[in-house]
Amino acid sequence: MIKIVYAIVVAGILLVIAGGLANGFDSTTVVILCLAVAFGILAIGVSRRFATGVVGPATCAECGKAIAPSSPYCKHCGALR
């Protein structure tokens, strides 16, 4: 999964650079390149965190329903974590 995200990010940045080289690097191209790099960094960070399994709900040991990972107690049955 992470390799696919890396490939998409690199392809997007290379596409913006190729467009800049073909049409000249004006201010719009530089802004789009900065946005592509920022989005790429964000996408890589999210995919790395998703791969660790930290993202997503936890389950209550008592009732088995989904709860927030940072919640100190279950909102369904009131059991402490």
N, C-alpha and C. Protein backbone atom coordinates (compact mmCIF):
# COMPACT_ATOMS: atom_id res chain seq x y z
N MET A 1 0.83 -1.20 0.00
CA MET A 1 0.00 0.00 0.00
C MET A 1 0.86 1.25 0.00
N ILE A 2 1.89 1.26 0.85
CA ILE A 2 2.73 2.45 0.95
C ILE A 2 3.51 2.67 -0.34
N LYS A 3 3.95 1.58 -0.98
CA LYS A 3 4.70 1.71 -2.23
C LYS A 3 3.83 2.33 -3.33
N ILE A 4 2.55 2.00 -3.32
CA ILE A 4 1.64 2.57 -4.31
C ILE A 4 1.49 4.07 -4.07
N VAL A 5 1.38 4.47 -2.80
CA VAL A 5 1.25 5.89 -2.48
C VAL A 5 2.52 6.64 -2.88
N TYR A 6 3.69 6.05 -2.60
CA TYR A 6 4.95 6.67 -3.02
C TYR A 6 4.98 6.87 -4.53
N ALA A 7 4.57 5.84 -5.27
CA ALA A 7 4.59 5.91 -6.72
C ALA A 7 3.65 7.00 -7.24
N ILE A 8 2.47 7.10 -6.65
CA ILE A 8 1.52 8.12 -7.09
C ILE A 8 2.04 9.52 -6.78
N VAL A 9 2.63 9.70 -5.59
CA VAL A 9 3.17 11.01 -5.21
C VAL A 9 4.30 11.41 -6.14
N VAL A 10 5.23 10.49 -6.38
CA VAL A 10 6.36 10.80 -7.26
C VAL A 10 5.88 11.09 -8.67
N ALA A 11 4.92 10.31 -9.16
CA ALA A 11 4.39 10.54 -10.51
C ALA A 11 3.72 11.91 -10.61
N GLY A 12 2.97 12.29 -9.57
CA GLY A 12 2.31 13.60 -9.59
C GLY A 12 3.31 14.74 -9.58
N ILE A 13 4.33 14.63 -8.76
CA ILE A 13 5.35 15.70 -8.70
C ILE A 13 6.11 15.78 -10.02
N LEU A 14 6.45 14.62 -10.60
CA LEU A 14 7.14 14.63 -11.89
C LEU A 14 6.26 15.20 -12.99
N LEU A 15 4.98 14.95 -12.93
CA LEU A 15 4.05 15.51 -13.92
C LEU A 15 4.00 17.03 -13.82
N VAL A 16 3.98 17.56 -12.61
CA VAL A 16 3.97 19.01 -12.44
C VAL A 16 5.29 19.62 -12.91
N ILE A 17 6.39 18.95 -12.60
CA ILE A 17 7.70 19.45 -13.05
C ILE A 17 7.79 19.41 -14.58
N ALA A 18 7.29 18.34 -15.19
CA ALA A 18 7.31 18.25 -16.66
C ALA A 18 6.46 19.35 -17.28
N GLY A 19 5.31 19.63 -16.68
CA GLY A 19 4.48 20.73 -17.18
C GLY A 19 5.17 22.06 -17.02
N GLY A 20 5.88 22.23 -15.93
CA GLY A 20 6.63 23.46 -15.72
C GLY A 20 7.76 23.63 -16.71
N LEU A 21 8.43 22.53 -17.02
CA LEU A 21 9.52 22.61 -18.00
C LEU A 21 8.99 22.88 -19.41
N ALA A 22 7.82 22.32 -19.72
CA ALA A 22 7.25 22.51 -21.05
C ALA A 22 6.70 23.92 -21.25
N ASN A 23 6.08 24.48 -20.21
CA ASN A 23 5.42 25.78 -20.34
C ASN A 23 6.14 26.91 -19.64
N GLY A 24 7.21 26.61 -18.95
CA GLY A 24 7.92 27.64 -18.20
C GLY A 24 7.39 27.71 -16.78
N PHE A 25 8.30 27.89 -15.85
CA PHE A 25 7.92 27.95 -14.45
C PHE A 25 7.44 29.34 -14.08
N ASP A 26 6.15 29.57 -14.22
CA ASP A 26 5.58 30.84 -13.77
C ASP A 26 5.09 30.65 -12.34
N SER A 27 4.49 31.66 -11.78
CA SER A 27 4.08 31.59 -10.38
C SER A 27 3.00 30.52 -10.14
N THR A 28 2.13 30.32 -11.10
CA THR A 28 1.08 29.31 -10.96
C THR A 28 1.67 27.91 -10.88
N THR A 29 2.66 27.64 -11.71
CA THR A 29 3.29 26.33 -11.71
C THR A 29 4.02 26.07 -10.39
N VAL A 30 4.66 27.10 -9.86
CA VAL A 30 5.37 26.95 -8.60
C VAL A 30 4.38 26.69 -7.46
N VAL A 31 3.24 27.37 -7.46
CA VAL A 31 2.23 27.15 -6.43
C VAL A 31 1.68 25.73 -6.54
N ILE A 32 1.39 25.27 -7.75
CA ILE A 32 0.88 23.92 -7.94
C ILE A 32 1.92 22.89 -7.51
N LEU A 33 3.19 23.15 -7.79
CA LEU A 33 4.25 22.23 -7.37
C LEU A 33 4.33 22.17 -5.84
N CYS A 34 4.24 23.31 -5.18
CA CYS A 34 4.26 23.33 -3.71
C CYS A 34 3.07 22.58 -3.13
N LEU A 35 1.90 22.77 -3.72
CA LEU A 35 0.71 22.05 -3.26
C LEU A 35 0.84 20.54 -3.50
N ALA A 36 1.42 20.16 -4.62
CA ALA A 36 1.61 18.73 -4.91
C ALA A 36 2.57 18.10 -3.91
N VAL A 37 3.64 18.81 -3.57
CA VAL A 37 4.60 18.29 -2.59
C VAL A 37 3.94 18.20 -1.21
N ALA A 38 3.20 19.23 -0.82
CA ALA A 38 2.53 19.22 0.49
C ALA A 38 1.51 18.08 0.56
N PHE A 39 0.73 17.91 -0.48
CA PHE A 39 -0.25 16.82 -0.51
C PHE A 39 0.44 15.47 -0.48
N GLY A 40 1.56 15.36 -1.17
CA GLY A 40 2.33 14.12 -1.16
C GLY A 40 2.84 13.76 0.22
N ILE A 41 3.36 14.76 0.93
CA ILE A 41 3.83 14.53 2.29
C ILE A 41 2.69 14.08 3.18
N LEU A 42 1.55 14.72 3.04
CA LEU A 42 0.37 14.35 3.82
C LEU A 42 -0.09 12.94 3.49
N ALA A 43 -0.14 12.60 2.22
CA ALA A 43 -0.58 11.26 1.81
C ALA A 43 0.36 10.18 2.31
N ILE A 44 1.66 10.43 2.28
CA ILE A 44 2.62 9.46 2.77
C ILE A 44 2.48 9.29 4.28
N GLY A 45 2.30 10.39 4.99
CA GLY A 45 2.12 10.31 6.45
C GLY A 45 0.87 9.54 6.83
N VAL A 46 -0.21 9.79 6.14
CA VAL A 46 -1.46 9.09 6.43
C VAL A 46 -1.34 7.60 6.10
N SER A 47 -0.71 7.28 4.98
CA SER A 47 -0.59 5.87 4.61
C SER A 47 0.33 5.13 5.58
N ARG A 48 1.37 5.78 6.08
CA ARG A 48 2.24 5.14 7.08
C ARG A 48 1.48 4.89 8.38
N ARG A 49 0.71 5.87 8.80
CA ARG A 49 -0.05 5.69 10.04
C ARG A 49 -1.13 4.63 9.87
N PHE A 50 -1.75 4.60 8.71
CA PHE A 50 -2.77 3.59 8.43
C PHE A 50 -2.16 2.19 8.44
N ALA A 51 -0.93 2.06 7.94
CA ALA A 51 -0.27 0.75 7.88
C ALA A 51 0.06 0.21 9.27
N THR A 52 0.23 1.08 10.26
CA THR A 52 0.54 0.62 11.61
C THR A 52 -0.69 0.09 12.32
N GLY A 53 -1.87 0.39 11.84
CA GLY A 53 -3.09 -0.08 12.46
C GLY A 53 -3.59 0.82 13.57
N VAL A 54 -2.97 1.99 13.75
CA VAL A 54 -3.37 2.90 14.82
C VAL A 54 -4.67 3.60 14.46
N VAL A 55 -4.88 3.82 13.18
CA VAL A 55 -6.08 4.51 12.73
C VAL A 55 -7.26 3.55 12.77
N GLY A 56 -8.36 3.99 13.33
CA GLY A 56 -9.56 3.17 13.36
C GLY A 56 -10.07 3.00 14.76
N PRO A 57 -11.29 2.57 14.89
CA PRO A 57 -11.89 2.43 16.21
C PRO A 57 -11.35 1.20 16.96
N ALA A 58 -11.38 1.29 18.27
CA ALA A 58 -11.06 0.15 19.12
C ALA A 58 -12.38 -0.55 19.45
N THR A 59 -12.30 -1.72 20.06
CA THR A 59 -13.51 -2.41 20.46
C THR A 59 -13.53 -2.56 21.98
N CYS A 60 -14.70 -2.46 22.54
CA CYS A 60 -14.89 -2.60 23.99
C CYS A 60 -14.73 -4.07 24.37
N ALA A 61 -13.98 -4.31 25.45
CA ALA A 61 -13.78 -5.68 25.91
C ALA A 61 -15.05 -6.27 26.52
N GLU A 62 -15.94 -5.42 27.01
CA GLU A 62 -17.16 -5.89 27.67
C GLU A 62 -18.28 -6.19 26.68
N CYS A 63 -18.61 -5.17 25.84
CA CYS A 63 -19.76 -5.34 24.95
C CYS A 63 -19.38 -5.59 23.49
N GLY A 64 -18.11 -5.33 23.13
CA GLY A 64 -17.65 -5.60 21.77
C GLY A 64 -18.00 -4.55 20.74
N LYS A 65 -18.58 -3.44 21.16
CA LYS A 65 -18.94 -2.39 20.22
C LYS A 65 -17.74 -1.46 19.97
N ALA A 66 -17.81 -0.70 18.88
CA ALA A 66 -16.72 0.19 18.50
C ALA A 66 -16.70 1.43 19.39
N ILE A 67 -15.50 1.79 19.83
CA ILE A 67 -15.30 3.00 20.63
C ILE A 67 -14.08 3.73 20.12
N ALA A 68 -13.96 4.99 20.48
CA ALA A 68 -12.79 5.79 20.07
C ALA A 68 -11.55 5.26 20.78
N PRO A 69 -10.41 5.19 20.07
CA PRO A 69 -9.19 4.68 20.70
C PRO A 69 -8.73 5.50 21.91
N SER A 70 -9.07 6.77 21.95
CA SER A 70 -8.63 7.63 23.06
C SER A 70 -9.67 7.73 24.17
N SER A 71 -10.79 7.06 24.04
CA SER A 71 -11.85 7.14 25.03
C SER A 71 -11.48 6.36 26.30
N PRO A 72 -11.68 6.97 27.47
CA PRO A 72 -11.35 6.25 28.72
C PRO A 72 -12.41 5.21 29.11
N TYR A 73 -13.59 5.30 28.53
CA TYR A 73 -14.66 4.35 28.84
C TYR A 73 -15.52 4.13 27.61
N CYS A 74 -16.29 3.07 27.64
CA CYS A 74 -17.19 2.74 26.53
C CYS A 74 -18.47 3.57 26.65
N LYS A 75 -18.84 4.22 25.57
CA LYS A 75 -20.05 5.04 25.61
C LYS A 75 -21.33 4.19 25.53
N HIS A 76 -21.19 2.92 25.20
CA HIS A 76 -22.36 2.05 25.08
C HIS A 76 -22.72 1.37 26.41
N CYS A 77 -21.68 0.84 27.10
CA CYS A 77 -21.97 0.09 28.33
C CYS A 77 -21.34 0.73 29.57
N GLY A 78 -20.46 1.72 29.39
CA GLY A 78 -19.84 2.41 30.52
C GLY A 78 -18.63 1.73 31.11
N ALA A 79 -18.17 0.64 30.52
CA ALA A 79 -17.00 -0.08 31.05
C ALA A 79 -15.74 0.76 30.86
N LEU A 80 -14.86 0.74 31.86
CA LEU A 80 -13.58 1.42 31.76
C LEU A 80 -12.64 0.61 30.88
N ARG A 81 -11.76 1.30 30.20
CA ARG A 81 -10.81 0.63 29.32
C ARG A 81 -9.69 0.06 30.08
